[in-house]
Amino acid sequence: MENFYTLIHAALCETDPSEKCRLTFELYEKYHSGSLKMDKSAACEDVWIAGRPAKPELVPPYKVEQRKPSTPEGYAAMLHAITHIEFNAINLALDAAFRFRYLPEQFTADWLQVAKEECEHFGLMRARLHEYGYEYGDFTAHGHLWDMAYKTAFDPLLRMALVPRVLEARGLDVTPAIREKVAQRGDVKTCEALDVIYRDEVGHVRIGNRWYGYLCEQRGLEPMALFRQLLRQYDMFIFRGYVNLEARERAGFSAFEMAMLEDFEKSFQAALS
């Protein structure tokens, strides 16, 4: 009987995106068929650099070339950026399921589901990029998302606080505006892909919120006070322009957090006027 953790380690370390997705889909099916053993003691050593292809070339965020989406190359670069985010999200989800294996099995199952859905998102966006004559890797990108995996590797509470609740939640804020630009271009298929991603990302943030709350309760910590502290400590920005209150509410943000977000948005809009 194959061991779950050996297989997820193989998927996480795989460098070819297509093979990584194939391994993830296969692992998901085997896990839900009950044909795997969950032997944590036999797990491979932790992964500090997840498998990724030689391209795209990774550069600091400020060195990623900015192109106007109104040009054909600029539009493809925008699609590439989304594709890159989805690829990194696969590794982040696989890493959570593998690294934090001492948590309840439902944690593993939740993040395996996220990994499977991120593979689907990556496939959708890669296909859209290909239709415009480009491949994943044709543009430069940055490694900020995986950097956060490295910074939060020692504590699942920190991972849940800063990745789903900050980085992925920001995706809920910016996706509607991106979709609007895509719709103005008449790119119906990319709009459909973004709709799938947006729908699933609400669920991913909800999973992060649920496990953040669980871990805070287990440690006797007050969630909001800790969250504010972590944002300051790690210099994270939860507020940058438009805040999608409706999506965040569906993703499980608390009533207090929603009021805080709404007050910030009003202040931000007032400052712009």
C-alpha atoms as a PDB file:
ATOM      1  CA  MET A   1       0.000   0.000   0.000  1.00  0.00           C
ATOM      2  CA  GLU A   2       1.506   3.332  -1.053  1.00  0.00           C
ATOM      3  CA  ASN A   3       2.206   6.010   1.529  1.00  0.00           C
ATOM      4  CA  PHE A   4       0.413   9.344   1.099  1.00  0.00           C
ATOM      5  CA  TYR A   5       3.357  11.404   2.329  1.00  0.00           C
ATOM      6  CA  THR A   6       5.841   9.782  -0.034  1.00  0.00           C
ATOM      7  CA  LEU A   7       3.570  10.594  -2.977  1.00  0.00           C
ATOM      8  CA  ILE A   8       2.848  14.166  -1.931  1.00  0.00           C
ATOM      9  CA  HIS A   9       6.589  14.722  -1.452  1.00  0.00           C
ATOM     10  CA  ALA A  10       7.127  13.543  -5.042  1.00  0.00           C
ATOM     11  CA  ALA A  11       4.466  15.954  -6.352  1.00  0.00           C
ATOM     12  CA  LEU A  12       5.912  18.854  -4.378  1.00  0.00           C
ATOM     13  CA  CYS A  13       9.448  18.223  -5.662  1.00  0.00           C
ATOM     14  CA  GLU A  14       8.414  17.657  -9.304  1.00  0.00           C
ATOM     15  CA  THR A  15       9.789  20.402 -11.560  1.00  0.00           C
ATOM     16  CA  ASP A  16       7.678  19.852 -14.679  1.00  0.00           C
ATOM     17  CA  PRO A  17       4.329  21.674 -14.258  1.00  0.00           C
ATOM     18  CA  SER A  18       2.308  19.139 -16.275  1.00  0.00           C
ATOM     19  CA  GLU A  19       3.753  16.217 -14.348  1.00  0.00           C
ATOM     20  CA  LYS A  20       3.261  18.013 -11.036  1.00  0.00           C
ATOM     21  CA  CYS A  21      -0.413  18.429 -11.866  1.00  0.00           C
ATOM     22  CA  ARG A  22      -0.732  14.812 -13.030  1.00  0.00           C
ATOM     23  CA  LEU A  23       0.805  13.570  -9.775  1.00  0.00           C
ATOM     24  CA  THR A  24      -1.480  15.826  -7.747  1.00  0.00           C
ATOM     25  CA  PHE A  25      -4.626  14.645  -9.538  1.00  0.00           C
ATOM     26  CA  GLU A  26      -3.538  11.027  -9.116  1.00  0.00           C
ATOM     27  CA  LEU A  27      -2.807  11.559  -5.428  1.00  0.00           C
ATOM     28  CA  TYR A  28      -6.191  13.186  -4.909  1.00  0.00           C
ATOM     29  CA  GLU A  29      -7.976  10.225  -6.513  1.00  0.00           C
ATOM     30  CA  LYS A  30      -5.980   7.653  -4.549  1.00  0.00           C
ATOM     31  CA  TYR A  31      -6.546   9.465  -1.259  1.00  0.00           C
ATOM     32  CA  HIS A  32     -10.308   9.620  -1.745  1.00  0.00           C
ATOM     33  CA  SER A  33     -10.451   5.989  -2.852  1.00  0.00           C
ATOM     34  CA  GLY A  34      -8.880   4.975   0.458  1.00  0.00           C
ATOM     35  CA  SER A  35      -5.991   3.198  -1.235  1.00  0.00           C
ATOM     36  CA  LEU A  36      -3.228   5.042   0.640  1.00  0.00           C
ATOM     37  CA  LYS A  37      -1.744   4.649   4.107  1.00  0.00           C
ATOM     38  CA  MET A  38      -1.145   7.785   6.169  1.00  0.00           C
ATOM     39  CA  ASP A  39       2.218   6.812   7.654  1.00  0.00           C
ATOM     40  CA  LYS A  40       3.682  10.071   8.952  1.00  0.00           C
ATOM     41  CA  SER A  41       6.743   8.361  10.384  1.00  0.00           C
ATOM     42  CA  ALA A  42       7.804   7.267   6.898  1.00  0.00           C
ATOM     43  CA  ALA A  43       7.580  10.776   5.438  1.00  0.00           C
ATOM     44  CA  CYS A  44      10.503  12.130   3.445  1.00  0.00           C
ATOM     45  CA  GLU A  45      12.540  15.082   4.664  1.00  0.00           C
ATOM     46  CA  ASP A  46      10.997  18.527   4.438  1.00  0.00           C
ATOM     47  CA  VAL A  47      11.173  20.525   1.229  1.00  0.00           C
ATOM     48  CA  TRP A  48      12.681  24.009   1.389  1.00  0.00           C
ATOM     49  CA  ILE A  49      12.644  24.742  -2.330  1.00  0.00           C
ATOM     50  CA  ALA A  50       9.589  23.385  -4.142  1.00  0.00           C
ATOM     51  CA  GLY A  51       9.985  21.926  -7.607  1.00  0.00           C
ATOM     52  CA  ARG A  52       9.564  24.415 -10.435  1.00  0.00           C
ATOM     53  CA  PRO A  53      10.706  24.640 -14.068  1.00  0.00           C
ATOM     54  CA  ALA A  54      13.865  26.493 -15.125  1.00  0.00           C
ATOM     55  CA  LYS A  55      11.628  29.175 -16.616  1.00  0.00           C
ATOM     56  CA  PRO A  56      10.175  31.628 -15.814  1.00  0.00           C
ATOM     57  CA  GLU A  57      13.300  33.403 -14.657  1.00  0.00           C
ATOM     58  CA  LEU A  58      12.664  34.688 -11.138  1.00  0.00           C
ATOM     59  CA  VAL A  59      13.640  38.273 -10.393  1.00  0.00           C
ATOM     60  CA  PRO A  60      12.841  40.678  -7.516  1.00  0.00           C
ATOM     61  CA  PRO A  61       9.277  42.028  -7.786  1.00  0.00           C
ATOM     62  CA  TYR A  62      10.492  45.503  -8.747  1.00  0.00           C
ATOM     63  CA  LYS A  63      12.429  44.041 -11.692  1.00  0.00           C
ATOM     64  CA  VAL A  64       9.445  42.290 -13.279  1.00  0.00           C
ATOM     65  CA  GLU A  65       8.945  44.264 -16.485  1.00  0.00           C
ATOM     66  CA  GLN A  66       5.689  46.195 -16.549  1.00  0.00           C
ATOM     67  CA  ARG A  67       3.792  46.149 -19.836  1.00  0.00           C
ATOM     68  CA  LYS A  68       0.536  47.810 -20.803  1.00  0.00           C
ATOM     69  CA  PRO A  69      -2.319  45.249 -20.955  1.00  0.00           C
ATOM     70  CA  SER A  70      -3.702  47.171 -23.928  1.00  0.00           C
ATOM     71  CA  THR A  71      -0.888  45.759 -26.103  1.00  0.00           C
ATOM     72  CA  PRO A  72      -0.862  42.098 -27.249  1.00  0.00           C
ATOM     73  CA  GLU A  73       2.385  41.400 -25.396  1.00  0.00           C
ATOM     74  CA  GLY A  74       1.198  43.253 -22.309  1.00  0.00           C
ATOM     75  CA  TYR A  75      -2.058  41.296 -22.246  1.00  0.00           C
ATOM     76  CA  ALA A  76      -0.142  38.020 -22.515  1.00  0.00           C
ATOM     77  CA  ALA A  77       2.153  39.184 -19.705  1.00  0.00           C
ATOM     78  CA  MET A  78      -0.910  39.752 -17.507  1.00  0.00           C
ATOM     79  CA  LEU A  79      -2.173  36.240 -18.268  1.00  0.00           C
ATOM     80  CA  HIS A  80       1.311  34.904 -17.529  1.00  0.00           C
ATOM     81  CA  ALA A  81       1.355  36.635 -14.145  1.00  0.00           C
ATOM     82  CA  ILE A  82      -1.929  34.957 -13.186  1.00  0.00           C
ATOM     83  CA  THR A  83      -0.652  31.600 -14.460  1.00  0.00           C
ATOM     84  CA  HIS A  84       2.469  32.008 -12.326  1.00  0.00           C
ATOM     85  CA  ILE A  85       0.384  32.762  -9.244  1.00  0.00           C
ATOM     86  CA  GLU A  86      -1.646  29.598  -9.810  1.00  0.00           C
ATOM     87  CA  PHE A  87       1.498  27.487 -10.238  1.00  0.00           C
ATOM     88  CA  ASN A  88       2.935  28.767  -6.971  1.00  0.00           C
ATOM     89  CA  ALA A  89      -0.402  28.166  -5.283  1.00  0.00           C
ATOM     90  CA  ILE A  90      -0.091  24.470  -6.182  1.00  0.00           C
ATOM     91  CA  ASN A  91       3.230  24.270  -4.344  1.00  0.00           C
ATOM     92  CA  LEU A  92       1.918  26.218  -1.373  1.00  0.00           C
ATOM     93  CA  ALA A  93      -1.050  23.877  -0.953  1.00  0.00           C
ATOM     94  CA  LEU A  94       1.040  20.719  -1.397  1.00  0.00           C
ATOM     95  CA  ASP A  95       3.565  22.061   1.086  1.00  0.00           C
ATOM     96  CA  ALA A  96       0.884  22.758   3.707  1.00  0.00           C
ATOM     97  CA  ALA A  97      -0.507  19.232   3.379  1.00  0.00           C
ATOM     98  CA  PHE A  98       2.988  17.714   3.583  1.00  0.00           C
ATOM     99  CA  ARG A  99       4.762  19.933   6.100  1.00  0.00           C
ATOM    100  CA  PHE A 100       2.087  20.189   8.762  1.00  0.00           C
ATOM    101  CA  ARG A 101       1.313  16.468   8.824  1.00  0.00           C
ATOM    102  CA  TYR A 102       0.999  16.353  12.623  1.00  0.00           C
ATOM    103  CA  LEU A 103      -2.304  18.258  12.411  1.00  0.00           C
ATOM    104  CA  PRO A 104      -5.655  16.422  12.062  1.00  0.00           C
ATOM    105  CA  GLU A 105      -6.055  14.485   8.824  1.00  0.00           C
ATOM    106  CA  GLN A 106      -8.815  16.858   7.710  1.00  0.00           C
ATOM    107  CA  PHE A 107      -6.160  19.572   7.428  1.00  0.00           C
ATOM    108  CA  THR A 108      -4.266  17.371   4.978  1.00  0.00           C
ATOM    109  CA  ALA A 109      -7.441  16.585   3.047  1.00  0.00           C
ATOM    110  CA  ASP A 110      -8.397  20.253   2.830  1.00  0.00           C
ATOM    111  CA  TRP A 111      -5.057  21.359   1.410  1.00  0.00           C
ATOM    112  CA  LEU A 112      -4.887  18.426  -0.967  1.00  0.00           C
ATOM    113  CA  GLN A 113      -8.235  19.595  -2.344  1.00  0.00           C
ATOM    114  CA  VAL A 114      -6.836  23.111  -2.674  1.00  0.00           C
ATOM    115  CA  ALA A 115      -3.772  21.752  -4.518  1.00  0.00           C
ATOM    116  CA  LYS A 116      -6.007  19.857  -6.934  1.00  0.00           C
ATOM    117  CA  GLU A 117      -8.102  22.954  -7.651  1.00  0.00           C
ATOM    118  CA  GLU A 118      -4.981  25.102  -8.086  1.00  0.00           C
ATOM    119  CA  CYS A 119      -3.784  22.586 -10.694  1.00  0.00           C
ATOM    120  CA  GLU A 120      -7.081  23.080 -12.504  1.00  0.00           C
ATOM    121  CA  HIS A 121      -6.645  26.855 -12.339  1.00  0.00           C
ATOM    122  CA  PHE A 122      -3.102  26.605 -13.649  1.00  0.00           C
ATOM    123  CA  GLY A 123      -4.310  24.477 -16.555  1.00  0.00           C
ATOM    124  CA  LEU A 124      -7.053  26.958 -17.432  1.00  0.00           C
ATOM    125  CA  MET A 125      -4.706  29.948 -17.432  1.00  0.00           C
ATOM    126  CA  ARG A 126      -1.902  28.116 -19.218  1.00  0.00           C
ATOM    127  CA  ALA A 127      -4.333  27.242 -22.001  1.00  0.00           C
ATOM    128  CA  ARG A 128      -5.421  30.879 -22.304  1.00  0.00           C
ATOM    129  CA  LEU A 129      -1.783  31.987 -22.457  1.00  0.00           C
ATOM    130  CA  HIS A 130      -1.072  29.392 -25.131  1.00  0.00           C
ATOM    131  CA  GLU A 131      -3.976  30.625 -27.245  1.00  0.00           C
ATOM    132  CA  TYR A 132      -2.274  34.018 -27.410  1.00  0.00           C
ATOM    133  CA  GLY A 133       0.956  32.420 -28.651  1.00  0.00           C
ATOM    134  CA  TYR A 134       2.900  32.245 -25.408  1.00  0.00           C
ATOM    135  CA  GLU A 135       3.999  29.560 -22.951  1.00  0.00           C
ATOM    136  CA  TYR A 136       4.412  29.561 -19.206  1.00  0.00           C
ATOM    137  CA  GLY A 137       7.976  30.745 -18.701  1.00  0.00           C
ATOM    138  CA  ASP A 138       8.091  33.232 -21.576  1.00  0.00           C
ATOM    139  CA  PHE A 139       8.060  36.220 -19.190  1.00  0.00           C
ATOM    140  CA  THR A 140       9.991  36.976 -16.015  1.00  0.00           C
ATOM    141  CA  ALA A 141       8.265  36.490 -12.660  1.00  0.00           C
ATOM    142  CA  HIS A 142       9.022  36.814  -8.958  1.00  0.00           C
ATOM    143  CA  GLY A 143       9.112  34.282  -6.146  1.00  0.00           C
ATOM    144  CA  HIS A 144       7.244  36.239  -3.465  1.00  0.00           C
ATOM    145  CA  LEU A 145       4.582  33.588  -2.906  1.00  0.00           C
ATOM    146  CA  TRP A 146       7.028  30.752  -2.280  1.00  0.00           C
ATOM    147  CA  ASP A 147       9.115  33.106  -0.127  1.00  0.00           C
ATOM    148  CA  MET A 148       6.099  33.258   2.185  1.00  0.00           C
ATOM    149  CA  ALA A 149       6.028  29.464   2.347  1.00  0.00           C
ATOM    150  CA  TYR A 150       9.641  29.521   3.493  1.00  0.00           C
ATOM    151  CA  LYS A 151       9.037  32.272   6.059  1.00  0.00           C
ATOM    152  CA  THR A 152       6.036  30.429   7.554  1.00  0.00           C
ATOM    153  CA  ALA A 153       7.442  26.893   7.348  1.00  0.00           C
ATOM    154  CA  PHE A 154       7.917  26.518  11.087  1.00  0.00           C
ATOM    155  CA  ASP A 155       4.343  27.249  12.178  1.00  0.00           C
ATOM    156  CA  PRO A 156       1.002  26.334  10.576  1.00  0.00           C
ATOM    157  CA  LEU A 157      -0.747  29.142  12.449  1.00  0.00           C
ATOM    158  CA  LEU A 158       1.583  31.652  10.831  1.00  0.00           C
ATOM    159  CA  ARG A 159       1.023  30.014   7.417  1.00  0.00           C
ATOM    160  CA  MET A 160      -2.761  30.206   7.772  1.00  0.00           C
ATOM    161  CA  ALA A 161      -2.611  33.810   8.984  1.00  0.00           C
ATOM    162  CA  LEU A 162      -0.385  35.218   6.268  1.00  0.00           C
ATOM    163  CA  VAL A 163      -1.029  33.134   3.154  1.00  0.00           C
ATOM    164  CA  PRO A 164      -4.795  32.428   2.895  1.00  0.00           C
ATOM    165  CA  ARG A 165      -5.909  35.370   5.056  1.00  0.00           C
ATOM    166  CA  VAL A 166      -3.644  37.963   3.428  1.00  0.00           C
ATOM    167  CA  LEU A 167      -2.182  36.902   0.082  1.00  0.00           C
ATOM    168  CA  GLU A 168      -5.069  34.771  -1.198  1.00  0.00           C
ATOM    169  CA  ALA A 169      -7.675  37.134   0.233  1.00  0.00           C
ATOM    170  CA  ARG A 170      -6.094  39.945  -1.784  1.00  0.00           C
ATOM    171  CA  GLY A 171      -6.853  37.838  -4.844  1.00  0.00           C
ATOM    172  CA  LEU A 172     -10.536  38.152  -3.978  1.00  0.00           C
ATOM    173  CA  ASP A 173     -10.112  41.920  -3.967  1.00  0.00           C
ATOM    174  CA  VAL A 174      -8.322  42.293  -7.308  1.00  0.00           C
ATOM    175  CA  THR A 175      -9.906  39.552  -9.456  1.00  0.00           C
ATOM    176  CA  PRO A 176     -13.167  41.426 -10.234  1.00  0.00           C
ATOM    177  CA  ALA A 177     -11.223  44.399 -11.648  1.00  0.00           C
ATOM    178  CA  ILE A 178      -9.009  42.101 -13.723  1.00  0.00           C
ATOM    179  CA  ARG A 179     -12.080  40.302 -15.029  1.00  0.00           C
ATOM    180  CA  GLU A 180     -13.631  43.616 -16.024  1.00  0.00           C
ATOM    181  CA  LYS A 181     -10.551  44.504 -18.090  1.00  0.00           C
ATOM    182  CA  VAL A 182     -10.620  41.078 -19.710  1.00  0.00           C
ATOM    183  CA  ALA A 183     -14.334  41.431 -20.480  1.00  0.00           C
ATOM    184  CA  GLN A 184     -13.740  44.814 -22.108  1.00  0.00           C
ATOM    185  CA  ARG A 185     -11.324  43.074 -24.438  1.00  0.00           C
ATOM    186  CA  GLY A 186     -14.033  40.547 -25.348  1.00  0.00           C
ATOM    187  CA  ASP A 187     -12.026  37.566 -24.071  1.00  0.00           C
ATOM    188  CA  VAL A 188     -14.949  35.413 -22.955  1.00  0.00           C
ATOM    189  CA  LYS A 189     -12.930  32.241 -22.323  1.00  0.00           C
ATOM    190  CA  THR A 190     -10.524  34.004 -19.971  1.00  0.00           C
ATOM    191  CA  CYS A 191     -13.494  35.539 -18.147  1.00  0.00           C
ATOM    192  CA  GLU A 192     -14.870  32.028 -17.666  1.00  0.00           C
ATOM    193  CA  ALA A 193     -11.514  30.837 -16.328  1.00  0.00           C
ATOM    194  CA  LEU A 194     -11.342  33.753 -13.901  1.00  0.00           C
ATOM    195  CA  ASP A 195     -14.874  32.981 -12.711  1.00  0.00           C
ATOM    196  CA  VAL A 196     -13.803  29.433 -11.804  1.00  0.00           C
ATOM    197  CA  ILE A 197     -10.699  30.718 -10.021  1.00  0.00           C
ATOM    198  CA  TYR A 198     -12.672  33.360  -8.113  1.00  0.00           C
ATOM    199  CA  ARG A 199     -15.300  30.842  -6.994  1.00  0.00           C
ATOM    200  CA  ASP A 200     -12.717  28.350  -5.763  1.00  0.00           C
ATOM    201  CA  GLU A 201     -10.502  30.952  -4.095  1.00  0.00           C
ATOM    202  CA  VAL A 202     -13.377  31.951  -1.802  1.00  0.00           C
ATOM    203  CA  GLY A 203     -13.331  28.355  -0.587  1.00  0.00           C
ATOM    204  CA  HIS A 204      -9.547  28.356  -0.197  1.00  0.00           C
ATOM    205  CA  VAL A 205      -9.614  31.476   1.954  1.00  0.00           C
ATOM    206  CA  ARG A 206     -12.461  29.944   3.966  1.00  0.00           C
ATOM    207  CA  ILE A 207     -10.304  26.874   4.624  1.00  0.00           C
ATOM    208  CA  GLY A 208      -7.460  29.104   5.783  1.00  0.00           C
ATOM    209  CA  ASN A 209      -9.787  31.067   8.053  1.00  0.00           C
ATOM    210  CA  ARG A 210     -11.190  27.887   9.585  1.00  0.00           C
ATOM    211  CA  TRP A 211      -7.764  26.429  10.395  1.00  0.00           C
ATOM    212  CA  TYR A 212      -6.471  29.771  11.651  1.00  0.00           C
ATOM    213  CA  GLY A 213      -9.386  29.859  14.094  1.00  0.00           C
ATOM    214  CA  TYR A 214      -8.784  26.228  15.083  1.00  0.00           C
ATOM    215  CA  LEU A 215      -5.092  26.810  15.791  1.00  0.00           C
ATOM    216  CA  CYS A 216      -5.766  29.993  17.764  1.00  0.00           C
ATOM    217  CA  GLU A 217      -8.315  28.123  19.887  1.00  0.00           C
ATOM    218  CA  GLN A 218      -5.903  25.232  20.445  1.00  0.00           C
ATOM    219  CA  ARG A 219      -3.254  27.645  21.736  1.00  0.00           C
ATOM    220  CA  GLY A 220      -5.596  29.904  23.696  1.00  0.00           C
ATOM    221  CA  LEU A 221      -4.870  32.941  21.520  1.00  0.00           C
ATOM    222  CA  GLU A 222      -7.208  35.785  20.574  1.00  0.00           C
ATOM    223  CA  PRO A 223      -7.404  35.662  16.754  1.00  0.00           C
ATOM    224  CA  MET A 224      -7.754  39.352  15.902  1.00  0.00           C
ATOM    225  CA  ALA A 225      -5.116  40.630  18.340  1.00  0.00           C
ATOM    226  CA  LEU A 226      -2.687  38.024  17.035  1.00  0.00           C
ATOM    227  CA  PHE A 227      -3.518  38.835  13.412  1.00  0.00           C
ATOM    228  CA  ARG A 228      -2.819  42.545  13.907  1.00  0.00           C
ATOM    229  CA  GLN A 229       0.443  41.683  15.642  1.00  0.00           C
ATOM    230  CA  LEU A 230       1.544  39.395  12.806  1.00  0.00           C
ATOM    231  CA  LEU A 231       0.723  41.992  10.165  1.00  0.00           C
ATOM    232  CA  ARG A 232       2.987  44.477  11.935  1.00  0.00           C
ATOM    233  CA  GLN A 233       5.706  41.923  12.641  1.00  0.00           C
ATOM    234  CA  TYR A 234       5.927  40.708   9.044  1.00  0.00           C
ATOM    235  CA  ASP A 235       5.203  44.073   7.422  1.00  0.00           C
ATOM    236  CA  MET A 236       2.195  42.667   5.565  1.00  0.00           C
ATOM    237  CA  PHE A 237      -0.378  44.849   3.835  1.00  0.00           C
ATOM    238  CA  ILE A 238      -3.933  43.588   4.123  1.00  0.00           C
ATOM    239  CA  PHE A 239      -5.285  46.885   2.811  1.00  0.00           C
ATOM    240  CA  ARG A 240      -4.412  48.080  -0.680  1.00  0.00           C
ATOM    241  CA  GLY A 241      -7.243  49.885  -2.373  1.00  0.00           C
ATOM    242  CA  TYR A 242     -10.552  48.133  -3.002  1.00  0.00           C
ATOM    243  CA  VAL A 243     -11.581  45.547  -0.409  1.00  0.00           C
ATOM    244  CA  ASN A 244     -14.084  42.917  -1.575  1.00  0.00           C
ATOM    245  CA  LEU A 245     -16.250  42.779   1.537  1.00  0.00           C
ATOM    246  CA  GLU A 246     -18.857  40.438   0.043  1.00  0.00           C
ATOM    247  CA  ALA A 247     -16.311  37.810  -1.004  1.00  0.00           C
ATOM    248  CA  ARG A 248     -14.384  38.064   2.257  1.00  0.00           C
ATOM    249  CA  GLU A 249     -17.584  37.567   4.233  1.00  0.00           C
ATOM    250  CA  ARG A 250     -18.356  34.401   2.245  1.00  0.00           C
ATOM    251  CA  ALA A 251     -14.770  33.293   2.891  1.00  0.00           C
ATOM    252  CA  GLY A 252     -15.345  33.359   6.647  1.00  0.00           C
ATOM    253  CA  PHE A 253     -13.943  36.652   7.846  1.00  0.00           C
ATOM    254  CA  SER A 254     -15.556  37.612  11.154  1.00  0.00           C
ATOM    255  CA  ALA A 255     -18.089  40.405  11.667  1.00  0.00           C
ATOM    256  CA  PHE A 256     -15.441  42.430  13.514  1.00  0.00           C
ATOM    257  CA  GLU A 257     -12.956  42.018  10.694  1.00  0.00           C
ATOM    258  CA  MET A 258     -15.589  42.995   8.139  1.00  0.00           C
ATOM    259  CA  ALA A 259     -16.403  46.190  10.056  1.00  0.00           C
ATOM    260  CA  MET A 260     -12.701  47.000  10.265  1.00  0.00           C
ATOM    261  CA  LEU A 261     -12.289  46.428   6.521  1.00  0.00           C
ATOM    262  CA  GLU A 262     -15.344  48.536   5.714  1.00  0.00           C
ATOM    263  CA  ASP A 263     -14.092  51.426   7.863  1.00  0.00           C
ATOM    264  CA  PHE A 264     -10.727  51.262   6.129  1.00  0.00           C
ATOM    265  CA  GLU A 265     -12.275  51.249   2.671  1.00  0.00           C
ATOM    266  CA  LYS A 266     -14.355  54.337   3.515  1.00  0.00           C
ATOM    267  CA  SER A 267     -11.264  56.112   4.816  1.00  0.00           C
ATOM    268  CA  PHE A 268      -9.288  55.109   1.732  1.00  0.00           C
ATOM    269  CA  GLN A 269     -11.957  56.326  -0.673  1.00  0.00           C
ATOM    270  CA  ALA A 270     -12.299  59.589   1.283  1.00  0.00           C
ATOM    271  CA  ALA A 271      -8.554  60.151   1.004  1.00  0.00           C
ATOM    272  CA  LEU A 272      -8.779  59.737  -2.779  1.00  0.00           C
ATOM    273  CA  SER A 273     -11.663  62.183  -3.191  1.00  0.00           C
END
